[in-house]
N, C-alpha and C. Protein backbone atom coordinates (compact mmCIF):
# COMPACT_ATOMS: atom_id res chain seq x y z
N MET A 1 99.08 -105.97 -22.93
CA MET A 1 98.56 -106.09 -24.27
C MET A 1 97.04 -105.94 -24.22
N PHE A 2 96.46 -105.46 -25.33
CA PHE A 2 95.05 -105.14 -25.34
C PHE A 2 94.41 -105.58 -26.66
N ILE A 3 93.18 -106.09 -26.57
CA ILE A 3 92.41 -106.46 -27.74
C ILE A 3 91.03 -105.83 -27.63
N LEU A 4 90.29 -105.87 -28.72
CA LEU A 4 88.91 -105.43 -28.72
C LEU A 4 88.00 -106.65 -28.65
N THR A 5 86.98 -106.57 -27.80
CA THR A 5 86.03 -107.67 -27.67
C THR A 5 84.62 -107.13 -27.76
N GLU A 6 83.70 -107.98 -28.20
CA GLU A 6 82.30 -107.61 -28.26
C GLU A 6 81.75 -107.54 -26.84
N PHE A 7 81.05 -106.46 -26.54
CA PHE A 7 80.58 -106.20 -25.19
C PHE A 7 79.64 -107.30 -24.69
N LYS A 8 78.69 -107.74 -25.50
CA LYS A 8 77.69 -108.72 -25.05
C LYS A 8 78.23 -110.14 -25.01
N SER A 9 78.87 -110.57 -26.08
CA SER A 9 79.27 -111.98 -26.19
C SER A 9 80.69 -112.26 -25.71
N GLY A 10 81.53 -111.22 -25.65
CA GLY A 10 82.93 -111.42 -25.31
C GLY A 10 83.76 -111.91 -26.47
N GLY A 11 83.15 -112.02 -27.66
CA GLY A 11 83.89 -112.43 -28.85
C GLY A 11 84.97 -111.44 -29.20
N VAL A 12 86.04 -111.92 -29.75
CA VAL A 12 87.20 -111.08 -30.08
C VAL A 12 87.02 -110.47 -31.46
N TYR A 13 87.28 -109.18 -31.56
CA TYR A 13 87.24 -108.47 -32.84
C TYR A 13 88.44 -108.91 -33.67
N ALA A 14 88.20 -109.24 -34.93
CA ALA A 14 89.27 -109.63 -35.85
C ALA A 14 89.01 -108.99 -37.21
N VAL A 15 90.06 -108.64 -37.88
CA VAL A 15 89.98 -108.07 -39.22
C VAL A 15 90.06 -109.20 -40.23
N SER A 16 89.19 -109.16 -41.24
CA SER A 16 89.20 -110.19 -42.28
C SER A 16 90.03 -109.74 -43.47
N ASN A 17 90.85 -110.65 -44.00
CA ASN A 17 91.59 -110.42 -45.22
C ASN A 17 90.72 -110.93 -46.36
N ILE A 18 90.24 -110.03 -47.21
CA ILE A 18 89.30 -110.44 -48.26
C ILE A 18 89.95 -111.33 -49.32
N LEU A 19 91.26 -111.29 -49.44
CA LEU A 19 91.94 -112.13 -50.43
C LEU A 19 92.11 -113.57 -49.96
N THR A 20 92.40 -113.75 -48.68
CA THR A 20 92.67 -115.09 -48.16
C THR A 20 91.56 -115.62 -47.27
N ASP A 21 90.59 -114.77 -46.93
CA ASP A 21 89.51 -115.11 -46.01
C ASP A 21 90.05 -115.48 -44.63
N GLN A 22 91.24 -115.03 -44.30
CA GLN A 22 91.87 -115.28 -43.00
C GLN A 22 91.52 -114.12 -42.07
N LYS A 23 91.22 -114.43 -40.81
CA LYS A 23 90.94 -113.40 -39.82
C LYS A 23 92.17 -113.19 -38.94
N THR A 24 92.41 -111.91 -38.61
CA THR A 24 93.57 -111.55 -37.81
C THR A 24 93.13 -110.73 -36.61
N VAL A 25 93.53 -111.16 -35.43
CA VAL A 25 93.27 -110.43 -34.20
C VAL A 25 94.40 -109.42 -34.01
N GLN A 26 94.04 -108.19 -33.74
CA GLN A 26 95.02 -107.15 -33.51
C GLN A 26 95.26 -107.03 -32.00
N VAL A 27 96.51 -107.18 -31.60
CA VAL A 27 96.90 -107.09 -30.19
C VAL A 27 97.72 -105.80 -30.04
N PHE A 28 97.16 -104.87 -29.32
CA PHE A 28 97.80 -103.56 -29.15
C PHE A 28 98.71 -103.58 -27.92
N GLU A 29 99.92 -103.06 -28.07
CA GLU A 29 100.83 -102.96 -26.93
C GLU A 29 100.37 -101.91 -25.93
N LYS A 30 99.76 -100.84 -26.42
CA LYS A 30 99.35 -99.72 -25.57
C LYS A 30 97.83 -99.57 -25.58
N LYS A 31 97.27 -99.34 -24.41
CA LYS A 31 95.81 -99.18 -24.28
C LYS A 31 95.34 -97.97 -25.07
N ASP A 32 96.10 -96.89 -25.06
CA ASP A 32 95.70 -95.69 -25.81
C ASP A 32 95.49 -96.00 -27.28
N ASP A 33 96.33 -96.83 -27.85
CA ASP A 33 96.19 -97.19 -29.27
C ASP A 33 94.94 -98.03 -29.51
N ALA A 34 94.64 -98.94 -28.59
CA ALA A 34 93.42 -99.74 -28.71
C ALA A 34 92.20 -98.85 -28.58
N ASP A 35 92.24 -97.90 -27.64
CA ASP A 35 91.12 -96.96 -27.47
C ASP A 35 90.92 -96.12 -28.72
N ARG A 36 92.02 -95.66 -29.31
CA ARG A 36 91.94 -94.84 -30.53
C ARG A 36 91.34 -95.64 -31.68
N TYR A 37 91.77 -96.90 -31.83
CA TYR A 37 91.23 -97.75 -32.90
C TYR A 37 89.74 -97.97 -32.69
N LEU A 38 89.34 -98.19 -31.44
CA LEU A 38 87.93 -98.37 -31.12
C LEU A 38 87.13 -97.12 -31.50
N MET A 39 87.66 -95.95 -31.21
CA MET A 39 86.97 -94.71 -31.58
C MET A 39 86.82 -94.59 -33.10
N LEU A 40 87.84 -95.01 -33.83
CA LEU A 40 87.75 -94.99 -35.30
C LEU A 40 86.66 -95.94 -35.79
N LEU A 41 86.58 -97.12 -35.20
CA LEU A 41 85.51 -98.06 -35.57
C LEU A 41 84.13 -97.45 -35.30
N GLU A 42 83.98 -96.87 -34.13
CA GLU A 42 82.70 -96.26 -33.76
C GLU A 42 82.33 -95.12 -34.69
N SER A 43 83.32 -94.33 -35.10
CA SER A 43 83.04 -93.22 -36.01
C SER A 43 82.67 -93.72 -37.41
N ASN A 44 83.06 -94.95 -37.74
CA ASN A 44 82.68 -95.59 -39.01
C ASN A 44 81.38 -96.38 -38.88
N ASP A 45 80.66 -96.19 -37.74
CA ASP A 45 79.38 -96.85 -37.48
C ASP A 45 79.50 -98.37 -37.43
N TYR A 46 80.58 -98.86 -36.80
CA TYR A 46 80.70 -100.30 -36.61
C TYR A 46 79.47 -100.78 -35.83
N PRO A 47 78.81 -101.85 -36.29
CA PRO A 47 77.50 -102.22 -35.72
C PRO A 47 77.50 -102.80 -34.31
N ASP A 48 78.59 -103.39 -33.87
CA ASP A 48 78.62 -104.02 -32.54
C ASP A 48 79.28 -103.10 -31.52
N LYS A 49 78.83 -103.21 -30.27
CA LYS A 49 79.46 -102.46 -29.19
C LYS A 49 80.69 -103.24 -28.74
N LEU A 50 81.84 -102.59 -28.81
CA LEU A 50 83.11 -103.22 -28.46
C LEU A 50 83.70 -102.54 -27.22
N GLU A 51 84.59 -103.27 -26.57
CA GLU A 51 85.33 -102.70 -25.45
C GLU A 51 86.77 -103.17 -25.52
N VAL A 52 87.64 -102.45 -24.85
CA VAL A 52 89.06 -102.80 -24.80
C VAL A 52 89.28 -103.72 -23.60
N LEU A 53 90.00 -104.82 -23.84
CA LEU A 53 90.26 -105.81 -22.79
C LEU A 53 91.76 -106.06 -22.69
N GLU A 54 92.29 -106.03 -21.48
CA GLU A 54 93.70 -106.35 -21.28
C GLU A 54 93.88 -107.86 -21.28
N VAL A 55 94.87 -108.36 -22.01
CA VAL A 55 95.08 -109.80 -22.16
C VAL A 55 96.57 -110.12 -22.12
N ASP A 56 96.85 -111.38 -21.94
CA ASP A 56 98.21 -111.90 -22.03
C ASP A 56 98.43 -112.33 -23.47
N GLN A 57 99.52 -111.93 -24.07
CA GLN A 57 99.78 -112.25 -25.48
C GLN A 57 99.82 -113.76 -25.71
N ASP A 58 100.34 -114.52 -24.77
CA ASP A 58 100.40 -115.98 -24.93
C ASP A 58 99.01 -116.59 -25.02
N VAL A 59 98.07 -116.06 -24.25
CA VAL A 59 96.69 -116.56 -24.29
C VAL A 59 96.07 -116.28 -25.66
N VAL A 60 96.33 -115.09 -26.19
CA VAL A 60 95.83 -114.75 -27.53
C VAL A 60 96.42 -115.71 -28.56
N ALA A 61 97.72 -115.95 -28.49
CA ALA A 61 98.38 -116.84 -29.44
C ALA A 61 97.80 -118.25 -29.40
N ILE A 62 97.58 -118.77 -28.20
CA ILE A 62 97.02 -120.11 -28.05
C ILE A 62 95.61 -120.18 -28.63
N ASN A 63 94.77 -119.19 -28.30
CA ASN A 63 93.39 -119.20 -28.79
C ASN A 63 93.32 -118.98 -30.30
N CYS A 64 94.18 -118.13 -30.84
CA CYS A 64 94.19 -117.94 -32.29
C CYS A 64 94.56 -119.24 -33.00
N SER A 65 95.55 -119.93 -32.47
CA SER A 65 95.96 -121.21 -33.05
C SER A 65 94.81 -122.22 -32.98
N LYS A 66 94.15 -122.25 -31.87
CA LYS A 66 93.04 -123.19 -31.66
C LYS A 66 91.88 -122.95 -32.63
N PHE A 67 91.57 -121.68 -32.91
CA PHE A 67 90.41 -121.34 -33.73
C PHE A 67 90.77 -120.97 -35.18
N GLY A 68 92.03 -121.10 -35.55
CA GLY A 68 92.43 -120.85 -36.94
C GLY A 68 92.56 -119.39 -37.31
N TYR A 69 92.83 -118.54 -36.35
CA TYR A 69 93.03 -117.12 -36.61
C TYR A 69 94.52 -116.81 -36.59
N GLU A 70 94.87 -115.72 -37.22
CA GLU A 70 96.20 -115.14 -37.11
C GLU A 70 96.13 -114.06 -36.05
N TYR A 71 97.28 -113.59 -35.59
CA TYR A 71 97.29 -112.39 -34.74
C TYR A 71 98.51 -111.58 -35.09
N THR A 72 98.40 -110.29 -34.81
CA THR A 72 99.50 -109.39 -35.05
C THR A 72 99.60 -108.42 -33.88
N VAL A 73 100.81 -108.08 -33.53
CA VAL A 73 101.04 -107.14 -32.43
C VAL A 73 101.20 -105.75 -33.04
N ILE A 74 100.40 -104.82 -32.52
CA ILE A 74 100.44 -103.44 -32.99
C ILE A 74 101.26 -102.63 -31.98
N SER A 75 102.42 -102.16 -32.42
CA SER A 75 103.29 -101.37 -31.55
C SER A 75 102.88 -99.89 -31.63
N PRO A 76 103.36 -99.06 -30.71
CA PRO A 76 103.04 -97.63 -30.76
C PRO A 76 103.53 -96.95 -32.04
N ASP A 77 104.49 -97.54 -32.72
CA ASP A 77 105.00 -96.95 -33.97
C ASP A 77 104.18 -97.33 -35.20
N ASP A 78 103.25 -98.28 -35.05
CA ASP A 78 102.43 -98.73 -36.17
C ASP A 78 101.25 -97.80 -36.37
N PHE A 79 100.84 -97.67 -37.62
CA PHE A 79 99.68 -96.86 -37.96
C PHE A 79 98.65 -97.78 -38.60
N VAL A 80 97.56 -98.02 -37.90
CA VAL A 80 96.51 -98.88 -38.43
C VAL A 80 95.18 -98.15 -38.38
N ILE A 81 94.40 -98.37 -39.43
CA ILE A 81 93.04 -97.81 -39.48
C ILE A 81 92.09 -98.95 -39.80
N PRO A 82 90.86 -98.87 -39.28
CA PRO A 82 89.90 -99.94 -39.54
C PRO A 82 89.50 -99.97 -41.02
N PRO A 83 89.17 -101.17 -41.50
CA PRO A 83 88.66 -101.26 -42.86
C PRO A 83 87.27 -100.64 -42.95
N LEU A 84 86.93 -100.15 -44.11
CA LEU A 84 85.60 -99.56 -44.30
C LEU A 84 84.60 -100.60 -44.67
């Protein structure tokens, strides 16, 4: 499993839901999908330098619960694009 993290701080990239103000960490099953999402963010001039990090899904679940975040698993069949 793979997530995006901030290069300097190691903070995890999360998408904000503007209706609920809830943040969701995207956990990609395939590294290629995480790399592609990162390229889309960079092409949209995302301000922070991010990198792809391999993680254990259970660790993500525990940390999301601890910090009040949601998480979702992105399978190879899912189509996701970064928010503008």
